[in-house]
Amino acid sequence: MIGMKKTIAITRGDGCGPEVVNEGIKILKTVS
């Protein structure tokens, strides 16, 4: 999960901040 979150953060180009991780979780839930 952590690796996926980091991948999303890097893909979005917003770094690895907490807000980016939270958005990544929302995206994962939406896709799932």
PDB file of N, CA and C in Angstrom:
ATOM      1  N   MET A   1       0.847  -1.206   0.000  1.00  0.00           N
ATOM      2  CA  MET A   1       0.000   0.000   0.000  1.00  0.00           C
ATOM      3  C   MET A   1       0.881   1.254   0.000  1.00  0.00           C
ATOM      4  N   ILE A   2       1.905   1.258   0.862  1.00  0.00           N
ATOM      5  CA  ILE A   2       2.755   2.448   0.955  1.00  0.00           C
ATOM      6  C   ILE A   2       3.413   2.707  -0.398  1.00  0.00           C
ATOM      7  N   GLY A   3       3.891   1.632  -1.037  1.00  0.00           N
ATOM      8  CA  GLY A   3       4.540   1.790  -2.332  1.00  0.00           C
ATOM      9  C   GLY A   3       3.583   2.393  -3.352  1.00  0.00           C
ATOM     10  N   MET A   4       2.327   1.935  -3.321  1.00  0.00           N
ATOM     11  CA  MET A   4       1.326   2.446  -4.261  1.00  0.00           C
ATOM     12  C   MET A   4       1.082   3.924  -3.993  1.00  0.00           C
ATOM     13  N   LYS A   5       0.979   4.295  -2.730  1.00  0.00           N
ATOM     14  CA  LYS A   5       0.736   5.700  -2.383  1.00  0.00           C
ATOM     15  C   LYS A   5       1.879   6.562  -2.900  1.00  0.00           C
ATOM     16  N   LYS A   6       3.110   6.098  -2.685  1.00  0.00           N
ATOM     17  CA  LYS A   6       4.267   6.870  -3.146  1.00  0.00           C
ATOM     18  C   LYS A   6       4.236   6.990  -4.668  1.00  0.00           C
ATOM     19  N   THR A   7       3.848   5.894  -5.339  1.00  0.00           N
ATOM     20  CA  THR A   7       3.799   5.918  -6.804  1.00  0.00           C
ATOM     21  C   THR A   7       2.814   6.974  -7.271  1.00  0.00           C
ATOM     22  N   ILE A   8       1.638   7.030  -6.632  1.00  0.00           N
ATOM     23  CA  ILE A   8       0.626   8.016  -7.020  1.00  0.00           C
ATOM     24  C   ILE A   8       1.168   9.423  -6.784  1.00  0.00           C
ATOM     25  N   ALA A   9       1.818   9.631  -5.635  1.00  0.00           N
ATOM     26  CA  ALA A   9       2.357  10.952  -5.302  1.00  0.00           C
ATOM     27  C   ALA A   9       3.376  11.374  -6.357  1.00  0.00           C
ATOM     28  N   ILE A  10       4.265  10.448  -6.722  1.00  0.00           N
ATOM     29  CA  ILE A  10       5.296  10.769  -7.716  1.00  0.00           C
ATOM     30  C   ILE A  10       4.630  11.025  -9.079  1.00  0.00           C
ATOM     31  N   THR A  11       3.630  10.219  -9.410  1.00  0.00           N
ATOM     32  CA  THR A  11       2.962  10.376 -10.704  1.00  0.00           C
ATOM     33  C   THR A  11       2.288  11.743 -10.789  1.00  0.00           C
ATOM     34  N   ARG A  12       1.695  12.177  -9.684  1.00  0.00           N
ATOM     35  CA  ARG A  12       0.993  13.463  -9.687  1.00  0.00           C
ATOM     36  C   ARG A  12       2.008  14.605  -9.621  1.00  0.00           C
ATOM     37  N   GLY A  13       3.232  14.300  -9.228  1.00  0.00           N
ATOM     38  CA  GLY A  13       4.275  15.321  -9.172  1.00  0.00           C
ATOM     39  C   GLY A  13       4.075  16.295  -8.026  1.00  0.00           C
ATOM     40  N   ASP A  14       3.432  15.844  -6.923  1.00  0.00           N
ATOM     41  CA  ASP A  14       3.191  16.739  -5.785  1.00  0.00           C
ATOM     42  C   ASP A  14       4.058  16.362  -4.590  1.00  0.00           C
ATOM     43  N   GLY A  15       5.044  15.484  -4.810  1.00  0.00           N
ATOM     44  CA  GLY A  15       5.881  15.057  -3.690  1.00  0.00           C
ATOM     45  C   GLY A  15       5.198  13.961  -2.883  1.00  0.00           C
ATOM     46  N   CYS A  16       5.581  13.812  -1.624  1.00  0.00           N
ATOM     47  CA  CYS A  16       5.027  12.738  -0.790  1.00  0.00           C
ATOM     48  C   CYS A  16       4.439  13.304   0.495  1.00  0.00           C
ATOM     49  N   GLY A  17       3.803  14.458   0.423  1.00  0.00           N
ATOM     50  CA  GLY A  17       3.218  15.072   1.622  1.00  0.00           C
ATOM     51  C   GLY A  17       1.974  14.310   2.075  1.00  0.00           C
ATOM     52  N   PRO A  18       1.552  14.503   3.322  1.00  0.00           N
ATOM     53  CA  PRO A  18       0.368  13.825   3.874  1.00  0.00           C
ATOM     54  C   PRO A  18      -0.876  14.076   3.030  1.00  0.00           C
ATOM     55  N   GLU A  19      -1.048  15.308   2.548  1.00  0.00           N
ATOM     56  CA  GLU A  19      -2.240  15.624   1.764  1.00  0.00           C
ATOM     57  C   GLU A  19      -2.241  14.816   0.471  1.00  0.00           C
ATOM     58  N   VAL A  20      -1.071  14.661  -0.128  1.00  0.00           N
ATOM     59  CA  VAL A  20      -0.974  13.896  -1.366  1.00  0.00           C
ATOM     60  C   VAL A  20      -1.325  12.438  -1.103  1.00  0.00           C
ATOM     61  N   VAL A  21      -0.855  11.918   0.018  1.00  0.00           N
ATOM     62  CA  VAL A  21      -1.143  10.527   0.366  1.00  0.00           C
ATOM     63  C   VAL A  21      -2.644  10.350   0.560  1.00  0.00           C
ATOM     64  N   ASN A  22      -3.277  11.295   1.249  1.00  0.00           N
ATOM     65  CA  ASN A  22      -4.721  11.216   1.468  1.00  0.00           C
ATOM     66  C   ASN A  22      -5.451  11.218   0.133  1.00  0.00           C
ATOM     67  N   GLU A  23      -5.026  12.068  -0.791  1.00  0.00           N
ATOM     68  CA  GLU A  23      -5.671  12.113  -2.104  1.00  0.00           C
ATOM     69  C   GLU A  23      -5.453  10.788  -2.816  1.00  0.00           C
ATOM     70  N   GLY A  24      -4.261  10.231  -2.653  1.00  0.00           N
ATOM     71  CA  GLY A  24      -3.963   8.933  -3.273  1.00  0.00           C
ATOM     72  C   GLY A  24      -4.906   7.858  -2.761  1.00  0.00           C
ATOM     73  N   ILE A  25      -5.200   7.881  -1.449  1.00  0.00           N
ATOM     74  CA  ILE A  25      -6.118   6.906  -0.867  1.00  0.00           C
ATOM     75  C   ILE A  25      -7.502   7.088  -1.476  1.00  0.00           C
ATOM     76  N   LYS A  26      -7.949   8.329  -1.629  1.00  0.00           N
ATOM     77  CA  LYS A  26      -9.265   8.587  -2.218  1.00  0.00           C
ATOM     78  C   LYS A  26      -9.308   8.053  -3.632  1.00  0.00           C
ATOM     79  N   ILE A  27      -8.225   8.271  -4.393  1.00  0.00           N
ATOM     80  CA  ILE A  27      -8.180   7.802  -5.776  1.00  0.00           C
ATOM     81  C   ILE A  27      -8.250   6.274  -5.794  1.00  0.00           C
ATOM     82  N   LEU A  28      -7.489   5.627  -4.906  1.00  0.00           N
ATOM     83  CA  LEU A  28      -7.486   4.166  -4.867  1.00  0.00           C
ATOM     84  C   LEU A  28      -8.888   3.652  -4.555  1.00  0.00           C
ATOM     85  N   LYS A  29      -9.561   4.263  -3.591  1.00  0.00           N
ATOM     86  CA  LYS A  29     -10.910   3.825  -3.227  1.00  0.00           C
ATOM     87  C   LYS A  29     -11.868   4.047  -4.390  1.00  0.00           C
ATOM     88  N   THR A  30     -11.705   5.179  -5.104  1.00  0.00           N
ATOM     89  CA  THR A  30     -12.594   5.469  -6.225  1.00  0.00           C
ATOM     90  C   THR A  30     -12.388   4.451  -7.336  1.00  0.00           C
ATOM     91  N   VAL A  31     -11.129   4.142  -7.632  1.00  0.00           N
ATOM     92  CA  VAL A  31     -10.826   3.172  -8.688  1.00  0.00           C
ATOM     93  C   VAL A  31     -11.351   1.798  -8.295  1.00  0.00           C
ATOM     94  N   SER A  32     -11.172   1.444  -7.016  1.00  0.00           N
ATOM     95  CA  SER A  32     -11.623   0.135  -6.556  1.00  0.00           C
ATOM     96  C   SER A  32     -13.146   0.118  -6.525  1.00  0.00           C
TER      97      SER A  32
END
